[in-house]
Amino acid sequence: MAMKRRTESTFVLFDVTYEDGTQTSNRKVLTSVLGGLDGDEPAKAVIEAQDREIGLASGRPRGEIKSVSRKRV
């Protein structure tokens, strides 16, 4: 019987503010996507992709993202 390896994923949490004033908290983005010269900038693209998937599943698309900020724990 093959044993499954446990993969460890590390996430960073972000707070998101939308153009219409709504907010969401604790949006997860893989740490491996972040860093480098762009810092946290790639998080916005990841969260936008998550929003598209959520909008397709729910039938209610999200608005445009105004800002993304790293959650301070």
N, C-alpha and C. Protein backbone atom coordinates (compact mmCIF):
# COMPACT_ATOMS: atom_id res chain seq x y z
N MET A 1 0.85 -1.17 0.00
CA MET A 1 0.00 0.00 0.00
C MET A 1 0.90 1.24 0.00
N ALA A 2 0.65 2.13 -0.92
CA ALA A 2 1.44 3.36 -1.02
C ALA A 2 1.02 4.33 0.07
N MET A 3 2.00 4.97 0.64
CA MET A 3 1.71 5.96 1.68
C MET A 3 1.66 7.33 1.03
N LYS A 4 0.71 8.12 1.47
CA LYS A 4 0.60 9.48 0.97
C LYS A 4 1.53 10.37 1.78
N ARG A 5 2.22 11.22 1.07
CA ARG A 5 3.08 12.19 1.76
C ARG A 5 2.25 13.40 2.12
N ARG A 6 2.47 13.85 3.28
CA ARG A 6 1.78 15.06 3.73
C ARG A 6 2.54 16.26 3.21
N THR A 7 1.86 17.06 2.43
CA THR A 7 2.51 18.27 1.93
C THR A 7 2.13 19.42 2.84
N GLU A 8 3.09 20.21 3.12
CA GLU A 8 2.86 21.33 4.00
C GLU A 8 2.79 22.60 3.18
N SER A 9 1.67 23.28 3.24
CA SER A 9 1.48 24.52 2.52
C SER A 9 1.43 25.66 3.53
N THR A 10 2.12 26.71 3.21
CA THR A 10 2.12 27.88 4.07
C THR A 10 1.37 28.99 3.37
N PHE A 11 0.46 29.60 4.10
CA PHE A 11 -0.36 30.66 3.56
C PHE A 11 -0.10 31.97 4.27
N VAL A 12 -0.38 33.06 3.56
CA VAL A 12 -0.40 34.39 4.14
C VAL A 12 -1.84 34.87 4.02
N LEU A 13 -2.34 35.50 5.05
CA LEU A 13 -3.72 35.99 5.04
C LEU A 13 -3.74 37.46 4.62
N PHE A 14 -4.77 37.82 3.85
CA PHE A 14 -4.91 39.19 3.36
C PHE A 14 -6.33 39.69 3.62
N ASP A 15 -6.43 41.00 3.88
CA ASP A 15 -7.71 41.70 3.94
C ASP A 15 -7.89 42.38 2.59
N VAL A 16 -9.11 42.32 2.05
CA VAL A 16 -9.39 42.86 0.73
C VAL A 16 -10.49 43.91 0.85
N THR A 17 -10.27 45.07 0.23
CA THR A 17 -11.29 46.11 0.15
C THR A 17 -11.67 46.27 -1.32
N TYR A 18 -12.97 46.30 -1.58
CA TYR A 18 -13.47 46.42 -2.94
C TYR A 18 -13.88 47.87 -3.22
N GLU A 19 -14.00 48.20 -4.50
CA GLU A 19 -14.36 49.56 -4.93
C GLU A 19 -15.69 50.01 -4.34
N ASP A 20 -16.63 49.08 -4.12
CA ASP A 20 -17.94 49.44 -3.59
C ASP A 20 -17.94 49.59 -2.07
N GLY A 21 -16.78 49.43 -1.43
CA GLY A 21 -16.65 49.62 0.01
C GLY A 21 -16.76 48.35 0.83
N THR A 22 -17.13 47.23 0.21
CA THR A 22 -17.20 45.98 0.96
C THR A 22 -15.80 45.46 1.24
N GLN A 23 -15.70 44.63 2.27
CA GLN A 23 -14.42 44.07 2.68
C GLN A 23 -14.55 42.59 2.93
N THR A 24 -13.46 41.87 2.70
CA THR A 24 -13.36 40.47 3.11
C THR A 24 -12.05 40.32 3.87
N SER A 25 -12.03 39.39 4.79
CA SER A 25 -10.84 39.17 5.61
C SER A 25 -10.35 37.74 5.46
N ASN A 26 -9.09 37.56 5.82
CA ASN A 26 -8.48 36.23 5.89
C ASN A 26 -8.50 35.47 4.57
N ARG A 27 -8.22 36.16 3.48
CA ARG A 27 -8.11 35.50 2.17
C ARG A 27 -6.73 34.87 2.09
N LYS A 28 -6.66 33.58 1.80
CA LYS A 28 -5.41 32.83 1.80
C LYS A 28 -4.70 32.91 0.45
N VAL A 29 -3.39 33.16 0.51
CA VAL A 29 -2.53 33.14 -0.67
C VAL A 29 -1.28 32.35 -0.30
N LEU A 30 -0.90 31.42 -1.16
CA LEU A 30 0.30 30.62 -0.90
C LEU A 30 1.53 31.51 -0.78
N THR A 31 2.37 31.22 0.19
CA THR A 31 3.59 31.97 0.40
C THR A 31 4.51 31.86 -0.81
N SER A 32 4.48 30.73 -1.48
CA SER A 32 5.37 30.52 -2.63
C SER A 32 5.07 31.48 -3.77
N VAL A 33 3.88 32.07 -3.81
CA VAL A 33 3.51 33.02 -4.86
C VAL A 33 4.07 34.40 -4.55
N LEU A 34 4.30 34.67 -3.27
CA LEU A 34 4.72 36.00 -2.83
C LEU A 34 6.23 36.12 -2.76
N GLY A 35 6.68 37.32 -2.56
CA GLY A 35 8.11 37.57 -2.37
C GLY A 35 8.79 38.05 -3.63
N GLY A 36 10.08 37.96 -3.63
CA GLY A 36 10.84 38.44 -4.78
C GLY A 36 10.74 39.95 -4.89
N LEU A 37 10.95 40.45 -6.07
CA LEU A 37 10.93 41.89 -6.29
C LEU A 37 9.53 42.47 -6.20
N ASP A 38 8.50 41.65 -6.46
CA ASP A 38 7.13 42.15 -6.44
C ASP A 38 6.50 42.18 -5.06
N GLY A 39 7.11 41.56 -4.07
CA GLY A 39 6.56 41.55 -2.72
C GLY A 39 5.18 40.92 -2.68
N ASP A 40 4.20 41.65 -2.15
CA ASP A 40 2.84 41.14 -2.01
C ASP A 40 1.97 41.44 -3.23
N GLU A 41 2.50 42.10 -4.24
CA GLU A 41 1.72 42.47 -5.42
C GLU A 41 1.05 41.27 -6.11
N PRO A 42 1.68 40.11 -6.22
CA PRO A 42 1.03 38.96 -6.86
C PRO A 42 -0.23 38.48 -6.12
N ALA A 43 -0.38 38.85 -4.85
CA ALA A 43 -1.54 38.43 -4.08
C ALA A 43 -2.83 38.95 -4.70
N LYS A 44 -2.80 40.14 -5.25
CA LYS A 44 -4.00 40.72 -5.86
C LYS A 44 -4.48 39.87 -7.02
N ALA A 45 -3.57 39.42 -7.87
CA ALA A 45 -3.96 38.58 -9.01
C ALA A 45 -4.52 37.24 -8.54
N VAL A 46 -3.94 36.67 -7.50
CA VAL A 46 -4.42 35.39 -6.97
C VAL A 46 -5.83 35.56 -6.40
N ILE A 47 -6.05 36.63 -5.65
CA ILE A 47 -7.36 36.88 -5.05
C ILE A 47 -8.40 37.19 -6.13
N GLU A 48 -8.00 37.92 -7.18
CA GLU A 48 -8.92 38.17 -8.30
C GLU A 48 -9.35 36.86 -8.96
N ALA A 49 -8.40 35.92 -9.11
CA ALA A 49 -8.73 34.61 -9.68
C ALA A 49 -9.68 33.85 -8.76
N GLN A 50 -9.45 33.92 -7.45
CA GLN A 50 -10.34 33.28 -6.49
C GLN A 50 -11.74 33.88 -6.59
N ASP A 51 -11.81 35.22 -6.73
CA ASP A 51 -13.10 35.90 -6.84
C ASP A 51 -13.85 35.47 -8.09
N ARG A 52 -13.13 35.28 -9.20
CA ARG A 52 -13.79 34.82 -10.43
C ARG A 52 -14.41 33.45 -10.22
N GLU A 53 -13.67 32.54 -9.57
CA GLU A 53 -14.19 31.20 -9.31
C GLU A 53 -15.40 31.25 -8.38
N ILE A 54 -15.33 32.09 -7.34
CA ILE A 54 -16.44 32.23 -6.41
C ILE A 54 -17.66 32.80 -7.13
N GLY A 55 -17.43 33.80 -7.99
CA GLY A 55 -18.52 34.41 -8.74
C GLY A 55 -19.19 33.44 -9.69
N LEU A 56 -18.41 32.59 -10.35
CA LEU A 56 -18.97 31.59 -11.25
C LEU A 56 -19.80 30.57 -10.49
N ALA A 57 -19.30 30.15 -9.33
CA ALA A 57 -20.01 29.14 -8.54
C ALA A 57 -21.29 29.70 -7.92
N SER A 58 -21.26 30.96 -7.50
CA SER A 58 -22.42 31.54 -6.82
C SER A 58 -23.37 32.26 -7.76
N GLY A 59 -22.88 32.61 -8.96
CA GLY A 59 -23.71 33.37 -9.88
C GLY A 59 -23.75 34.86 -9.55
N ARG A 60 -22.93 35.29 -8.60
CA ARG A 60 -22.87 36.69 -8.19
C ARG A 60 -21.42 37.16 -8.22
N PRO A 61 -21.01 37.80 -9.31
CA PRO A 61 -19.61 38.21 -9.42
C PRO A 61 -19.23 39.28 -8.40
N ARG A 62 -17.96 39.26 -8.03
CA ARG A 62 -17.42 40.26 -7.10
C ARG A 62 -17.09 41.53 -7.86
N GLY A 63 -17.00 42.63 -7.12
CA GLY A 63 -16.61 43.90 -7.71
C GLY A 63 -15.10 43.98 -7.89
N GLU A 64 -14.64 45.11 -8.37
CA GLU A 64 -13.22 45.35 -8.56
C GLU A 64 -12.53 45.55 -7.21
N ILE A 65 -11.32 45.04 -7.10
CA ILE A 65 -10.54 45.18 -5.87
C ILE A 65 -9.90 46.56 -5.83
N LYS A 66 -10.09 47.24 -4.70
CA LYS A 66 -9.49 48.55 -4.49
C LYS A 66 -8.11 48.40 -3.85
N SER A 67 -8.03 47.58 -2.80
CA SER A 67 -6.74 47.38 -2.13
C SER A 67 -6.67 46.02 -1.47
N VAL A 68 -5.44 45.54 -1.32
CA VAL A 68 -5.15 44.27 -0.67
C VAL A 68 -4.06 44.55 0.36
N SER A 69 -4.29 44.14 1.61
CA SER A 69 -3.27 44.38 2.64
C SER A 69 -3.05 43.09 3.44
N ARG A 70 -1.79 42.86 3.75
CA ARG A 70 -1.41 41.67 4.52
C ARG A 70 -2.00 41.77 5.91
N LYS A 71 -2.58 40.68 6.36
CA LYS A 71 -3.18 40.60 7.69
C LYS A 71 -2.08 40.59 8.73
N ARG A 72 -2.17 41.43 9.70
CA ARG A 72 -1.20 41.46 10.80
C ARG A 72 -1.72 40.58 11.92
N VAL A 73 -0.94 39.56 12.26
CA VAL A 73 -1.37 38.61 13.28
C VAL A 73 -0.73 38.92 14.60
